[in-house]
């Protein structure tokens, strides 16, 4: 690899200091990816504030020119490539693909929270140190975030959405039961004023991003996958309210009309974007929106869905839309639409999040662009560029180390050799 000149900033110059009584940690590696510049440097070092998993980067750059404070503990990661901790912008930590269709009905609601504990660890061990959880029942994602933040359980940093907002009878509603069977639907809201109130309520309950269903979906039993489910006025109200409260908005949208309406409303990320058109591409670029396209999970759904209990109607919709989504992804990349990394983990097994990198490269991104989608782009789309997404002084010392060169072969990202969160080594290959 060719060495590049990138950020070389000492900890003292940044005005940062390590936690009282805790020596900083200097991680050295054979190579490091600078995702902002799109380059790789050799013989790199990252100095982290050792603050019980909350440490930030004090210095980063080539070892020959990066100051390491006296007394720092040194950890040599060896012949690996160091990257920022990966970010998955679309997960459901309490979802289990083997409990699809009606299979989940035999378990009490708290069972999903317990599964979430397991899935959070699998996700962190896979090198994903930050996730955006775009929909959970019973405020499970808020509870997981709180437990992880306290250090009670291992897991990634979570940006929770709580309940996904949706229209009566739409993708975010429970439509798989007969009319005489009622189930709680806390995310359902209709009409601009009711939707505004729902946004406020979810924020009160702990939501840090708002997710809503703008069109039908694959796993909802009774709707069409692309049909628009909120009017322009309803989307306008939802996005305006969320933005007024300082929150980003993610919209589940497969169909072209719903995608365009959501972009006109100012949605920040379009989830799935399966049937997006040239009009949507142009709008996304004009509005500085991002596409989050889960183009790996079609393989898993079609291979395992029937065994897992997925509704036949849903499998039929997946057969119709999977290839189309990948072709849309390819056209969107060529059109210059900005991409973030979102997998819909929970629809396929947690811990396999990195499998999508190869699909993104197969369908049009370079390896570096795919890595940037899961790092610097995702950090920007979250509105958290000061915290995550790059190995830059002041951001959290979240890192993943892999064997080989991921800028040439992204499949090495599926087998991390080490995972570091907040300056603390939390996972190592065995």
Protein backbone atom coordinates (compact mmCIF):
# COMPACT_ATOMS: atom_id res chain seq x y z
CA UNK A 1 0.00 0.00 0.00
CA UNK A 2 1.16 3.53 -0.74
CA UNK A 3 1.55 5.74 2.29
CA UNK A 4 -0.47 8.96 2.25
CA UNK A 5 -0.27 12.19 4.19
CA UNK A 6 -3.40 12.43 6.35
CA UNK A 7 -4.42 13.81 9.73
CA UNK A 8 -1.52 13.93 12.18
CA UNK A 9 -2.66 15.74 15.28
CA UNK A 10 -1.33 15.33 18.79
CA UNK A 11 -3.55 14.91 21.82
CA UNK A 12 -2.27 18.03 23.55
CA UNK A 13 -2.90 20.24 20.52
CA UNK A 14 -6.49 19.02 20.42
CA UNK A 15 -7.03 20.11 24.01
CA UNK A 16 -7.97 16.59 25.04
CA UNK A 17 -6.82 14.62 28.01
CA UNK A 18 -7.27 11.04 29.09
CA UNK A 19 -9.61 10.12 31.93
CA UNK A 20 -8.29 10.79 35.41
CA UNK A 21 -6.03 7.99 36.54
CA UNK A 22 -6.23 6.10 33.24
CA UNK A 23 -3.30 6.04 30.83
CA UNK A 24 -4.18 6.47 27.15
CA UNK A 25 -3.81 3.52 24.80
CA UNK A 26 -1.80 3.59 21.58
CA UNK A 27 -3.02 1.04 19.02
CA UNK A 28 -0.56 0.31 16.23
CA UNK A 29 -1.36 -1.50 12.99
CA UNK A 30 0.32 -2.26 9.70
CA UNK A 31 -2.24 -0.18 7.81
CA UNK A 32 -5.09 2.25 8.44
CA UNK A 33 -7.92 3.49 6.21
CA UNK A 34 -8.50 7.23 6.09
CA UNK A 35 -12.13 7.16 4.95
CA UNK A 36 -12.36 10.93 4.57
CA UNK A 37 -9.49 11.17 2.10
CA UNK A 38 -10.20 7.74 0.61
CA UNK A 39 -6.64 6.59 1.21
CA UNK A 40 -4.66 3.98 3.12
CA UNK A 41 -1.56 4.71 5.22
CA UNK A 42 1.07 2.26 6.39
CA UNK A 43 2.53 1.79 9.87
CA UNK A 44 -0.28 3.63 11.60
CA UNK A 45 -1.13 4.51 15.18
CA UNK A 46 -4.33 5.62 16.90
CA UNK A 47 -4.06 6.98 20.43
CA UNK A 48 -7.24 6.61 22.46
CA UNK A 49 -8.40 8.11 25.70
CA UNK A 50 -8.91 5.13 28.02
CA UNK A 51 -12.27 6.08 29.55
CA UNK A 52 -14.10 2.82 30.28
CA UNK A 53 -15.37 2.33 26.74
CA UNK A 54 -16.21 6.00 26.23
CA UNK A 55 -12.77 7.07 25.10
CA UNK A 56 -12.13 9.35 22.16
CA UNK A 57 -9.27 9.64 19.72
CA UNK A 58 -6.36 11.76 20.92
CA UNK A 59 -4.10 11.29 17.88
CA UNK A 60 -4.15 9.36 14.60
CA UNK A 61 -1.78 9.02 11.67
CA UNK A 62 1.53 7.48 10.56
CA UNK A 63 3.46 6.11 13.54
CA UNK A 64 6.61 7.95 12.48
CA UNK A 65 5.03 11.37 12.90
CA UNK A 66 2.17 10.88 15.41
CA UNK A 67 2.89 11.86 19.00
CA UNK A 68 2.31 9.14 21.58
CA UNK A 69 2.03 10.53 25.12
CA UNK A 70 4.47 9.36 27.77
CA UNK A 71 3.09 6.50 29.81
CA UNK A 72 0.63 5.40 27.13
CA UNK A 73 -0.14 1.71 27.06
CA UNK A 74 0.76 0.28 23.66
CA UNK A 75 -1.25 -2.40 21.88
CA UNK A 76 0.23 -3.74 18.66
CA UNK A 77 -2.55 -5.17 16.51
CA UNK A 78 0.00 -6.61 14.09
CA UNK A 79 -0.34 -7.11 10.35
CA UNK A 80 -3.91 -5.82 10.07
CA UNK A 81 -5.75 -2.93 8.49
CA UNK A 82 -7.48 -0.60 10.93
CA UNK A 83 -10.77 1.07 9.99
CA UNK A 84 -13.33 3.20 11.82
CA UNK A 85 -15.97 1.16 13.61
CA UNK A 86 -18.61 0.22 11.05
CA UNK A 87 -22.13 1.70 11.08
CA UNK A 88 -25.31 -0.10 10.01
CA UNK A 89 -28.07 2.42 9.36
CA UNK A 90 -30.94 -0.08 9.23
CA UNK A 91 -31.24 -2.84 11.80
CA UNK A 92 -33.91 -4.43 13.97
CA UNK A 93 -31.96 -5.83 16.92
CA UNK A 94 -34.98 -7.57 18.42
CA UNK A 95 -35.95 -9.24 15.14
CA UNK A 96 -35.23 -12.90 14.46
CA UNK A 97 -35.68 -14.13 10.87
CA UNK A 98 -36.38 -17.69 12.02
CA UNK A 99 -39.55 -16.42 13.74
CA UNK A 100 -41.23 -15.00 10.64
CA UNK A 101 -44.92 -15.03 9.80
CA UNK A 102 -47.00 -16.24 12.73
CA UNK A 103 -44.15 -18.06 14.49
CA UNK A 104 -43.35 -15.22 16.87
CA UNK A 105 -46.82 -15.37 18.43
CA UNK A 106 -45.86 -18.14 20.84
CA UNK A 107 -43.43 -15.85 22.69
CA UNK A 108 -44.21 -13.13 25.22
CA UNK A 109 -43.17 -9.55 24.28
CA UNK A 110 -40.21 -9.52 26.68
CA UNK A 111 -38.67 -12.42 24.75
CA UNK A 112 -37.73 -9.96 22.00
CA UNK A 113 -35.74 -7.86 24.47
CA UNK A 114 -33.76 -10.93 25.54
CA UNK A 115 -33.05 -11.73 21.89
CA UNK A 116 -31.90 -8.14 21.47
CA UNK A 117 -29.20 -8.65 24.08
CA UNK A 118 -27.85 -11.60 22.11
CA UNK A 119 -28.09 -9.76 18.80
CA UNK A 120 -26.39 -6.64 20.13
CA UNK A 121 -23.29 -8.64 21.04
CA UNK A 122 -23.27 -10.44 17.68
CA UNK A 123 -23.44 -7.07 15.94
CA UNK A 124 -20.60 -5.58 17.94
CA UNK A 125 -18.44 -8.67 17.44
CA UNK A 126 -19.02 -8.28 13.69
CA UNK A 127 -17.29 -4.88 13.81
CA UNK A 128 -20.40 -2.68 13.82
CA UNK A 129 -19.92 -0.27 16.68
CA UNK A 130 -22.90 1.96 15.85
CA UNK A 131 -26.36 1.04 14.56
CA UNK A 132 -29.59 2.85 13.84
CA UNK A 133 -32.47 0.68 15.05
CA UNK A 134 -35.38 1.71 12.82
CA UNK A 135 -38.34 0.15 14.56
CA UNK A 136 -38.89 -1.96 17.68
CA UNK A 137 -41.83 -2.90 19.86
CA UNK A 138 -42.15 -2.15 23.57
CA UNK A 139 -39.36 0.47 23.44
CA UNK A 140 -36.90 -2.43 23.31
CA UNK A 141 -34.26 -0.43 21.45
CA UNK A 142 -34.29 2.30 24.10
CA UNK A 143 -33.84 -0.30 26.83
CA UNK A 144 -30.95 -1.93 24.98
CA UNK A 145 -29.32 1.46 24.45
CA UNK A 146 -29.60 2.25 28.14
CA UNK A 147 -28.13 -1.09 29.22
CA UNK A 148 -25.25 -0.82 26.74
CA UNK A 149 -24.55 2.79 27.74
CA UNK A 150 -24.31 1.76 31.39
CA UNK A 151 -21.97 -1.10 30.56
CA UNK A 152 -24.45 -3.73 31.72
CA UNK A 153 -24.32 -5.62 28.41
CA UNK A 154 -22.01 -5.49 25.36
CA UNK A 155 -23.29 -3.96 22.16
CA UNK A 156 -22.97 -1.14 19.65
CA UNK A 157 -23.98 2.46 20.12
CA UNK A 158 -27.70 2.55 19.30
CA UNK A 159 -29.67 5.36 17.68
CA UNK A 160 -33.24 4.25 18.51
CA UNK A 161 -36.42 5.03 16.59
CA UNK A 162 -38.78 3.25 19.04
CA UNK A 163 -41.96 2.47 17.09
CA UNK A 164 -42.12 3.02 13.35
CA UNK A 165 -44.93 5.42 12.46
CA UNK A 166 -47.46 4.30 9.88
CA UNK A 167 -51.00 4.56 8.56
CA UNK A 168 -53.89 2.37 9.59
CA UNK A 169 -53.75 -0.79 7.49
CA UNK A 170 -50.28 0.02 6.17
CA UNK A 171 -46.90 -1.64 6.35
CA UNK A 172 -46.28 -0.48 9.93
CA UNK A 173 -49.66 -1.78 11.10
CA UNK A 174 -50.53 -5.37 12.06
CA UNK A 175 -52.60 -6.54 9.10
CA UNK A 176 -52.12 -10.29 9.37
CA UNK A 177 -55.03 -10.89 11.77
CA UNK A 178 -58.82 -11.07 11.27
CA UNK A 179 -60.85 -8.00 12.35
CA UNK A 180 -61.89 -9.53 15.68
CA UNK A 181 -58.27 -9.92 16.79
CA UNK A 182 -56.76 -6.67 18.00
CA UNK A 183 -53.13 -6.06 18.89
CA UNK A 184 -51.38 -2.94 20.25
CA UNK A 185 -50.29 -0.56 17.48
CA UNK A 186 -48.59 2.37 19.25
CA UNK A 187 -46.98 3.67 16.05
CA UNK A 188 -50.17 4.15 14.05
CA UNK A 189 -51.21 7.75 13.29
CA UNK A 190 -53.39 9.30 10.58
CA UNK A 191 -53.70 12.88 9.41
CA UNK A 192 -51.15 15.68 9.84
CA UNK A 193 -52.05 16.70 13.39
CA UNK A 194 -52.18 13.16 14.74
CA UNK A 195 -48.86 12.43 13.06
CA UNK A 196 -47.25 15.53 14.59
CA UNK A 197 -48.43 14.42 18.03
CA UNK A 198 -47.02 10.94 17.43
CA UNK A 199 -43.59 12.36 16.57
CA UNK A 200 -43.60 14.31 19.83
CA UNK A 201 -44.70 11.26 21.78
CA UNK A 202 -41.96 9.02 20.36
CA UNK A 203 -39.34 11.65 21.11
CA UNK A 204 -40.65 11.76 24.69
CA UNK A 205 -40.27 7.98 24.89
CA UNK A 206 -36.64 8.05 23.76
CA UNK A 207 -36.62 8.12 19.97
CA UNK A 208 -33.55 9.79 18.48
CA UNK A 209 -34.62 9.30 14.86
CA UNK A 210 -38.09 9.07 13.36
CA UNK A 211 -38.90 6.17 11.04
CA UNK A 212 -42.14 6.05 9.08
CA UNK A 213 -43.67 3.80 6.46
CA UNK A 214 -44.30 5.76 3.29
CA UNK A 215 -45.22 2.76 1.12
CA UNK A 216 -46.14 -0.88 1.42
CA UNK A 217 -43.53 -3.52 2.07
CA UNK A 218 -42.44 -7.08 1.55
CA UNK A 219 -43.19 -8.51 4.98
CA UNK A 220 -46.62 -6.93 5.46
CA UNK A 221 -49.19 -9.50 4.42
CA UNK A 222 -51.96 -7.54 2.73
CA UNK A 223 -50.54 -4.47 0.95
CA UNK A 224 -48.74 -3.94 -2.33
CA UNK A 225 -45.01 -3.51 -1.94
CA UNK A 226 -44.81 -0.11 -3.62
CA UNK A 227 -48.16 1.56 -2.92
CA UNK A 228 -47.96 4.97 -1.25
CA UNK A 229 -49.51 4.98 2.25
CA UNK A 230 -49.20 8.57 3.47
CA UNK A 231 -50.32 11.66 1.58
CA UNK A 232 -47.96 14.50 0.75
CA UNK A 233 -49.54 16.62 3.47
CA UNK A 234 -49.03 13.86 6.05
CA UNK A 235 -45.38 13.36 5.08
CA UNK A 236 -44.78 17.12 5.10
CA UNK A 237 -46.17 17.38 8.64
CA UNK A 238 -44.15 14.44 9.94
CA UNK A 239 -40.82 15.60 8.54
CA UNK A 240 -41.38 19.22 9.57
CA UNK A 241 -42.19 18.20 13.14
CA UNK A 242 -39.20 15.89 13.43
CA UNK A 243 -36.82 18.45 12.00
CA UNK A 244 -38.18 21.14 14.30
CA UNK A 245 -37.32 18.84 17.19
CA UNK A 246 -33.81 18.28 15.82
CA UNK A 247 -34.42 14.71 14.65
CA UNK A 248 -33.53 13.01 11.38
CA UNK A 249 -36.21 11.13 9.41
CA UNK A 250 -35.91 7.72 7.76
CA UNK A 251 -38.70 6.57 5.46
CA UNK A 252 -39.46 2.99 4.46
CA UNK A 253 -40.28 3.41 0.78
CA UNK A 254 -40.17 0.94 -2.11
CA UNK A 255 -42.50 2.52 -4.66
CA UNK A 256 -41.61 5.51 -6.84
CA UNK A 257 -44.51 7.78 -5.84
CA UNK A 258 -43.87 7.34 -2.14
CA UNK A 259 -40.13 7.87 -2.56
CA UNK A 260 -40.67 11.12 -4.46
CA UNK A 261 -43.26 12.37 -1.94
CA UNK A 262 -40.90 11.62 0.97
CA UNK A 263 -38.03 13.42 -0.74
CA UNK A 264 -40.24 16.44 -1.43
CA UNK A 265 -41.14 16.45 2.27
CA UNK A 266 -37.44 16.49 3.16
CA UNK A 267 -36.84 12.98 4.49
CA UNK A 268 -33.18 12.44 5.28
CA UNK A 269 -32.78 8.79 4.27
CA UNK A 270 -34.80 6.60 1.95
CA UNK A 271 -34.84 3.02 3.21
CA UNK A 272 -34.94 0.28 0.53
CA UNK A 273 -35.63 2.69 -2.40
CA UNK A 274 -36.30 -0.40 -4.51
CA UNK A 275 -38.20 1.16 -7.41
CA UNK A 276 -36.74 4.67 -7.35
CA UNK A 277 -36.78 6.54 -10.66
CA UNK A 278 -34.59 9.16 -12.29
CA UNK A 279 -36.89 11.79 -10.75
CA UNK A 280 -36.10 10.39 -7.31
CA UNK A 281 -32.37 10.34 -8.05
CA UNK A 282 -32.46 14.01 -9.04
CA UNK A 283 -34.51 14.96 -5.99
CA UNK A 284 -32.24 13.02 -3.63
CA UNK A 285 -29.22 14.87 -4.98
CA UNK A 286 -30.97 18.25 -4.82
CA UNK A 287 -32.15 17.63 -1.25
CA UNK A 288 -28.84 16.08 -0.07
CA UNK A 289 -30.74 12.95 0.97
CA UNK A 290 -29.24 9.48 1.28
CA UNK A 291 -30.33 6.08 -0.01
CA UNK A 292 -30.04 3.15 2.38
CA UNK A 293 -30.52 0.06 0.21
CA UNK A 294 -30.50 -3.44 1.71
CA UNK A 295 -29.32 -5.26 -1.39
CA UNK A 296 -27.90 -8.38 0.27
CA UNK A 297 -30.87 -9.80 2.16
CA UNK A 298 -32.77 -10.93 -0.97
CA UNK A 299 -30.38 -13.90 -1.12
CA UNK A 300 -31.21 -14.95 2.43
CA UNK A 301 -34.97 -14.35 2.20
CA UNK A 302 -35.42 -16.44 -0.93
CA UNK A 303 -33.13 -19.21 0.34
CA UNK A 304 -34.47 -19.49 3.90
CA UNK A 305 -37.77 -17.61 3.99
CA UNK A 306 -40.15 -20.52 3.48
CA UNK A 307 -38.38 -22.57 6.15
CA UNK A 308 -38.53 -19.56 8.50
CA UNK A 309 -42.29 -19.16 8.13
CA UNK A 310 -42.35 -16.10 5.85
CA UNK A 311 -45.83 -15.59 4.39
CA UNK A 312 -46.19 -16.91 0.81
CA UNK A 313 -47.44 -13.45 -0.21
CA UNK A 314 -44.23 -11.92 1.13
CA UNK A 315 -42.01 -14.39 -0.69
CA UNK A 316 -43.84 -13.57 -3.90
CA UNK A 317 -43.22 -9.86 -3.35
CA UNK A 318 -39.55 -10.51 -2.61
CA UNK A 319 -39.17 -12.47 -5.85
CA UNK A 320 -40.66 -9.53 -7.72
CA UNK A 321 -38.59 -6.81 -6.08
CA UNK A 322 -35.17 -8.23 -5.13
CA UNK A 323 -33.50 -8.04 -8.54
CA UNK A 324 -35.24 -4.75 -9.33
CA UNK A 325 -33.82 -3.20 -6.15
CA UNK A 326 -30.27 -4.18 -7.12
CA UNK A 327 -30.71 -2.72 -10.59
CA UNK A 328 -32.06 0.48 -9.02
CA UNK A 329 -29.02 0.58 -6.75
CA UNK A 330 -26.76 0.35 -9.79
CA UNK A 331 -28.59 3.19 -11.56
CA UNK A 332 -28.58 5.32 -8.42
CA UNK A 333 -24.82 4.90 -8.01
CA UNK A 334 -24.29 5.92 -11.63
CA UNK A 335 -26.54 8.93 -11.09
CA UNK A 336 -24.44 10.07 -8.13
CA UNK A 337 -26.96 9.46 -5.35
CA UNK A 338 -25.29 9.42 -1.93
CA UNK A 339 -25.32 5.99 -0.28
CA UNK A 340 -25.20 4.80 3.30
CA UNK A 341 -24.88 1.25 4.56
CA UNK A 342 -28.16 -0.28 5.74
CA UNK A 343 -28.78 -4.02 5.82
CA UNK A 344 -32.18 -4.67 7.49
CA UNK A 345 -30.45 -7.12 9.84
CA UNK A 346 -33.19 -8.95 11.67
CA UNK A 347 -34.72 -9.90 8.34
CA UNK A 348 -31.56 -12.01 8.03
CA UNK A 349 -29.29 -13.16 10.90
CA UNK A 350 -27.55 -10.59 13.06
CA UNK A 351 -23.77 -10.66 13.01
CA UNK A 352 -23.74 -11.14 9.24
CA UNK A 353 -24.05 -7.40 8.58
CA UNK A 354 -20.79 -7.23 6.62
CA UNK A 355 -22.00 -9.62 3.93
CA UNK A 356 -23.59 -6.69 2.10
CA UNK A 357 -20.25 -5.04 1.27
CA UNK A 358 -19.60 -7.52 -1.54
CA UNK A 359 -23.06 -6.93 -3.03
CA UNK A 360 -22.54 -3.18 -3.03
CA UNK A 361 -19.27 -3.64 -4.91
CA UNK A 362 -20.84 -6.15 -7.30
CA UNK A 363 -23.56 -3.63 -8.16
CA UNK A 364 -21.49 -0.54 -8.73
CA UNK A 365 -19.54 0.87 -5.77
CA UNK A 366 -15.79 0.68 -5.45
CA UNK A 367 -14.55 -1.06 -2.28
CA UNK A 368 -13.58 2.32 -0.80
CA UNK A 369 -17.02 3.76 -1.57
CA UNK A 370 -18.69 0.78 0.11
CA UNK A 371 -16.50 1.30 3.19
CA UNK A 372 -17.30 5.02 3.19
CA UNK A 373 -21.02 4.19 3.06
CA UNK A 374 -20.62 2.36 6.38
CA UNK A 375 -18.35 4.95 8.00
CA UNK A 376 -18.01 8.61 7.06
CA UNK A 377 -21.26 8.75 5.05
CA UNK A 378 -23.25 7.06 7.77
CA UNK A 379 -21.81 9.35 10.44
CA UNK A 380 -22.86 12.38 8.40
CA UNK A 381 -26.33 10.97 7.68
CA UNK A 382 -26.83 10.35 11.41
CA UNK A 383 -25.86 13.94 12.14
CA UNK A 384 -23.06 12.60 14.36
CA UNK A 385 -19.90 13.39 12.45
CA UNK A 386 -18.33 14.74 15.62
CA UNK A 387 -18.64 11.33 17.23
CA UNK A 388 -18.43 8.47 14.72
CA UNK A 389 -17.52 7.56 11.16
CA UNK A 390 -13.80 8.29 10.89
CA UNK A 391 -10.52 7.92 12.76
CA UNK A 392 -10.25 11.61 13.55
CA UNK A 393 -9.15 13.39 16.71
CA UNK A 394 -12.11 13.99 19.00
CA UNK A 395 -14.37 11.22 17.71
CA UNK A 396 -15.03 8.04 19.64
CA UNK A 397 -12.16 5.57 19.44
CA UNK A 398 -14.33 2.99 17.67
CA UNK A 399 -12.29 0.75 15.37
CA UNK A 400 -12.27 -2.59 13.63
CA UNK A 401 -9.16 -4.45 12.48
CA UNK A 402 -9.19 -6.90 9.57
CA UNK A 403 -6.64 -9.08 7.81
CA UNK A 404 -5.71 -8.03 4.29
CA UNK A 405 -6.71 -4.93 2.38
CA UNK A 406 -10.46 -4.15 2.45
CA UNK A 407 -10.01 -1.48 -0.20
CA UNK A 408 -9.20 -4.30 -2.61
CA UNK A 409 -11.26 -7.14 -1.14
CA UNK A 410 -14.25 -6.11 0.98
CA UNK A 411 -14.96 -9.70 1.98
CA UNK A 412 -12.23 -9.45 4.64
CA UNK A 413 -14.66 -7.22 6.54
CA UNK A 414 -16.73 -10.31 7.33
CA UNK A 415 -14.04 -11.65 9.69
CA UNK A 416 -12.76 -8.96 12.08
CA UNK A 417 -9.53 -9.70 13.91
CA UNK A 418 -10.23 -7.12 16.61
CA UNK A 419 -13.03 -4.73 17.58
CA UNK A 420 -12.42 -1.64 19.70
CA UNK A 421 -15.21 0.53 21.10
CA UNK A 422 -14.45 3.74 22.92
CA UNK A 423 -10.77 2.86 23.11
CA UNK A 424 -11.45 -0.49 24.74
CA UNK A 425 -10.68 -3.82 23.05
CA UNK A 426 -14.05 -5.59 23.15
CA UNK A 427 -13.63 -8.37 20.60
CA UNK A 428 -10.75 -10.39 19.21
CA UNK A 429 -10.57 -13.27 16.74
CA UNK A 430 -10.00 -16.62 18.34
